Amino acid sequence: MTGMEEYHNSGEGSFNSEEVETVIKECIQNVVGGKDYSQGEVNEWTSAIVELSLTQLVKQGKLYKYIVTCDVMQKTGAGLHTANSCYWDTSTDRSCTVKWEGRTMYCVVSVFAISIA
């Protein structure tokens, strides 16, 4: 994520993008790891990834409201381009985008953390 290092804080209650990336990758792996892409299951998977991610982030007890998005795309050789932009307080609010690749699909999860402190 461009510019994330610039705003990274090391405090216990602060957003740690490396920690969030690890949590999100574990959530993705728990839901779709080892599975082949299935059009009939993709809606269930995206919902499960978002809900599990939110649950794990909230368990950290940090003073943020979270927004989590998830895109799952079958590997077909087509391009996948995604972007996001935020108008917020860059001294307290954060975001992190995690890209995961399985044998038959891609998954992109974006986490937006809005400080409530």
C-alpha atoms as a PDB file:
ATOM      1  CA  MET A   1       0.000   0.000   0.000  1.00  0.00           C
ATOM      2  CA  THR A   2       1.607   3.257  -1.032  1.00  0.00           C
ATOM      3  CA  GLY A   3       2.275   5.603   1.824  1.00  0.00           C
ATOM      4  CA  MET A   4       1.276   3.152   4.589  1.00  0.00           C
ATOM      5  CA  GLU A   5       4.805   3.060   6.022  1.00  0.00           C
ATOM      6  CA  GLU A   6       4.712   6.856   6.285  1.00  0.00           C
ATOM      7  CA  TYR A   7       1.777   6.720   8.712  1.00  0.00           C
ATOM      8  CA  HIS A   8       2.624   3.528  10.609  1.00  0.00           C
ATOM      9  CA  ASN A   9       2.586   3.848  14.402  1.00  0.00           C
ATOM     10  CA  SER A  10       4.184   1.271  16.672  1.00  0.00           C
ATOM     11  CA  GLY A  11       1.939   1.738  19.715  1.00  0.00           C
ATOM     12  CA  GLU A  12       0.072  -1.226  21.174  1.00  0.00           C
ATOM     13  CA  GLY A  13      -3.334   0.180  20.229  1.00  0.00           C
ATOM     14  CA  SER A  14      -2.290   1.298  16.770  1.00  0.00           C
ATOM     15  CA  PHE A  15      -3.003  -0.305  13.426  1.00  0.00           C
ATOM     16  CA  ASN A  16      -0.226  -2.663  12.376  1.00  0.00           C
ATOM     17  CA  SER A  17      -0.533  -3.498   8.677  1.00  0.00           C
ATOM     18  CA  GLU A  18       1.735  -6.566   8.928  1.00  0.00           C
ATOM     19  CA  GLU A  19      -0.355  -7.963  11.782  1.00  0.00           C
ATOM     20  CA  VAL A  20      -3.585  -7.256   9.892  1.00  0.00           C
ATOM     21  CA  GLU A  21      -2.195  -8.902   6.755  1.00  0.00           C
ATOM     22  CA  THR A  22      -1.391 -12.060   8.735  1.00  0.00           C
ATOM     23  CA  VAL A  23      -4.901 -12.136  10.259  1.00  0.00           C
ATOM     24  CA  ILE A  24      -6.579 -11.632   6.877  1.00  0.00           C
ATOM     25  CA  LYS A  25      -4.469 -14.275   5.113  1.00  0.00           C
ATOM     26  CA  GLU A  26      -5.382 -16.767   7.856  1.00  0.00           C
ATOM     27  CA  CYS A  27      -9.077 -15.942   7.401  1.00  0.00           C
ATOM     28  CA  ILE A  28      -8.850 -16.389   3.627  1.00  0.00           C
ATOM     29  CA  GLN A  29      -6.957 -19.658   4.046  1.00  0.00           C
ATOM     30  CA  ASN A  30      -9.551 -20.952   6.530  1.00  0.00           C
ATOM     31  CA  VAL A  31     -12.411 -20.244   4.126  1.00  0.00           C
ATOM     32  CA  VAL A  32     -11.053 -21.036   0.632  1.00  0.00           C
ATOM     33  CA  GLY A  33      -7.630 -22.591   1.131  1.00  0.00           C
ATOM     34  CA  GLY A  34      -7.311 -25.809  -0.834  1.00  0.00           C
ATOM     35  CA  LYS A  35     -10.659 -25.338  -2.608  1.00  0.00           C
ATOM     36  CA  ASP A  36     -11.229 -24.907  -6.323  1.00  0.00           C
ATOM     37  CA  TYR A  37     -13.194 -21.918  -7.582  1.00  0.00           C
ATOM     38  CA  SER A  38     -16.927 -22.562  -7.568  1.00  0.00           C
ATOM     39  CA  GLN A  39     -19.419 -20.018  -8.932  1.00  0.00           C
ATOM     40  CA  GLY A  40     -22.108 -21.503  -6.706  1.00  0.00           C
ATOM     41  CA  GLU A  41     -20.067 -21.002  -3.526  1.00  0.00           C
ATOM     42  CA  VAL A  42     -18.306 -17.675  -4.151  1.00  0.00           C
ATOM     43  CA  ASN A  43     -21.009 -15.528  -2.490  1.00  0.00           C
ATOM     44  CA  GLU A  44     -20.859 -17.686   0.632  1.00  0.00           C
ATOM     45  CA  TRP A  45     -17.057 -17.542   0.633  1.00  0.00           C
ATOM     46  CA  THR A  46     -16.855 -13.755   0.329  1.00  0.00           C
ATOM     47  CA  SER A  47     -19.376 -13.305   3.146  1.00  0.00           C
ATOM     48  CA  ALA A  48     -17.510 -15.785   5.349  1.00  0.00           C
ATOM     49  CA  ILE A  49     -14.136 -14.106   4.694  1.00  0.00           C
ATOM     50  CA  VAL A  50     -15.529 -10.664   5.545  1.00  0.00           C
ATOM     51  CA  GLU A  51     -17.301 -11.854   8.711  1.00  0.00           C
ATOM     52  CA  LEU A  52     -14.348 -13.897   9.961  1.00  0.00           C
ATOM     53  CA  SER A  53     -11.965 -11.018   9.245  1.00  0.00           C
ATOM     54  CA  LEU A  54     -14.147  -8.538  11.128  1.00  0.00           C
ATOM     55  CA  THR A  55     -14.458 -10.906  14.079  1.00  0.00           C
ATOM     56  CA  GLN A  56     -10.687 -11.400  14.287  1.00  0.00           C
ATOM     57  CA  LEU A  57      -9.954  -7.662  13.947  1.00  0.00           C
ATOM     58  CA  VAL A  58     -12.464  -6.699  16.648  1.00  0.00           C
ATOM     59  CA  LYS A  59     -10.967  -9.339  18.993  1.00  0.00           C
ATOM     60  CA  GLN A  60      -7.727  -7.353  18.949  1.00  0.00           C
ATOM     61  CA  GLY A  61      -9.489  -4.709  21.030  1.00  0.00           C
ATOM     62  CA  LYS A  62      -8.074  -1.735  19.173  1.00  0.00           C
ATOM     63  CA  LEU A  63     -10.005   1.543  19.010  1.00  0.00           C
ATOM     64  CA  TYR A  64     -11.091   1.340  15.376  1.00  0.00           C
ATOM     65  CA  LYS A  65     -14.265   0.872  13.407  1.00  0.00           C
ATOM     66  CA  TYR A  66     -13.582  -1.499  10.530  1.00  0.00           C
ATOM     67  CA  ILE A  67     -14.810  -1.793   6.976  1.00  0.00           C
ATOM     68  CA  VAL A  68     -13.818  -4.978   5.140  1.00  0.00           C
ATOM     69  CA  THR A  69     -14.352  -5.753   1.456  1.00  0.00           C
ATOM     70  CA  CYS A  70     -13.606  -8.987  -0.371  1.00  0.00           C
ATOM     71  CA  ASP A  71     -13.278  -9.798  -4.070  1.00  0.00           C
ATOM     72  CA  VAL A  72     -12.862 -13.345  -5.342  1.00  0.00           C
ATOM     73  CA  MET A  73     -12.070 -13.966  -9.007  1.00  0.00           C
ATOM     74  CA  GLN A  74     -11.580 -17.172 -10.905  1.00  0.00           C
ATOM     75  CA  LYS A  75      -8.197 -17.587 -12.568  1.00  0.00           C
ATOM     76  CA  THR A  76      -8.946 -17.441 -16.277  1.00  0.00           C
ATOM     77  CA  GLY A  77      -6.084 -15.321 -17.568  1.00  0.00           C
ATOM     78  CA  ALA A  78      -8.155 -12.133 -17.392  1.00  0.00           C
ATOM     79  CA  GLY A  79      -6.763  -9.111 -15.605  1.00  0.00           C
ATOM     80  CA  LEU A  80      -7.914  -8.025 -12.167  1.00  0.00           C
ATOM     81  CA  HIS A  81      -7.499  -4.370 -11.289  1.00  0.00           C
ATOM     82  CA  THR A  82      -8.746  -2.847  -8.073  1.00  0.00           C
ATOM     83  CA  ALA A  83      -8.233   0.476  -6.335  1.00  0.00           C
ATOM     84  CA  ASN A  84      -9.570   2.394  -3.368  1.00  0.00           C
ATOM     85  CA  SER A  85      -9.247   5.894  -2.046  1.00  0.00           C
ATOM     86  CA  CYS A  86     -10.165   7.451   1.283  1.00  0.00           C
ATOM     87  CA  TYR A  87     -10.796  10.953   2.501  1.00  0.00           C
ATOM     88  CA  TRP A  88      -9.997  10.762   6.186  1.00  0.00           C
ATOM     89  CA  ASP A  89      -7.576  11.699   8.941  1.00  0.00           C
ATOM     90  CA  THR A  90      -4.248  10.219   7.804  1.00  0.00           C
ATOM     91  CA  SER A  91      -2.767  10.656  11.283  1.00  0.00           C
ATOM     92  CA  THR A  92      -5.199   8.138  12.853  1.00  0.00           C
ATOM     93  CA  ASP A  93      -7.058   6.184  10.148  1.00  0.00           C
ATOM     94  CA  ARG A  94      -5.497   3.321   8.182  1.00  0.00           C
ATOM     95  CA  SER A  95      -6.052   0.832   5.401  1.00  0.00           C
ATOM     96  CA  CYS A  96      -4.474  -2.386   4.224  1.00  0.00           C
ATOM     97  CA  THR A  97      -5.074  -4.480   1.110  1.00  0.00           C
ATOM     98  CA  VAL A  98      -4.222  -8.183   1.111  1.00  0.00           C
ATOM     99  CA  LYS A  99      -3.808 -10.202  -2.077  1.00  0.00           C
ATOM    100  CA  TRP A 100      -4.060 -13.991  -1.913  1.00  0.00           C
ATOM    101  CA  GLU A 101      -3.635 -16.445  -4.761  1.00  0.00           C
ATOM    102  CA  GLY A 102      -4.839 -20.019  -4.828  1.00  0.00           C
ATOM    103  CA  ARG A 103      -4.565 -22.603  -7.588  1.00  0.00           C
ATOM    104  CA  THR A 104      -7.840 -21.594  -9.280  1.00  0.00           C
ATOM    105  CA  MET A 105      -8.708 -18.168  -7.845  1.00  0.00           C
ATOM    106  CA  TYR A 106      -7.541 -14.820  -6.564  1.00  0.00           C
ATOM    107  CA  CYS A 107      -8.828 -13.103  -3.449  1.00  0.00           C
ATOM    108  CA  VAL A 108      -8.339  -9.420  -2.603  1.00  0.00           C
ATOM    109  CA  VAL A 109      -9.412  -8.162   0.828  1.00  0.00           C
ATOM    110  CA  SER A 110      -9.286  -4.493   1.809  1.00  0.00           C
ATOM    111  CA  VAL A 111      -9.476  -3.384   5.441  1.00  0.00           C
ATOM    112  CA  PHE A 112     -10.267   0.197   6.388  1.00  0.00           C
ATOM    113  CA  ALA A 113      -9.683   1.142  10.037  1.00  0.00           C
ATOM    114  CA  ILE A 114     -11.287   4.372  11.246  1.00  0.00           C
ATOM    115  CA  SER A 115     -10.090   5.550  14.645  1.00  0.00           C
ATOM    116  CA  ILE A 116     -12.726   6.044  17.332  1.00  0.00           C
ATOM    117  CA  ALA A 117     -10.272   7.363  19.939  1.00  0.00           C
END
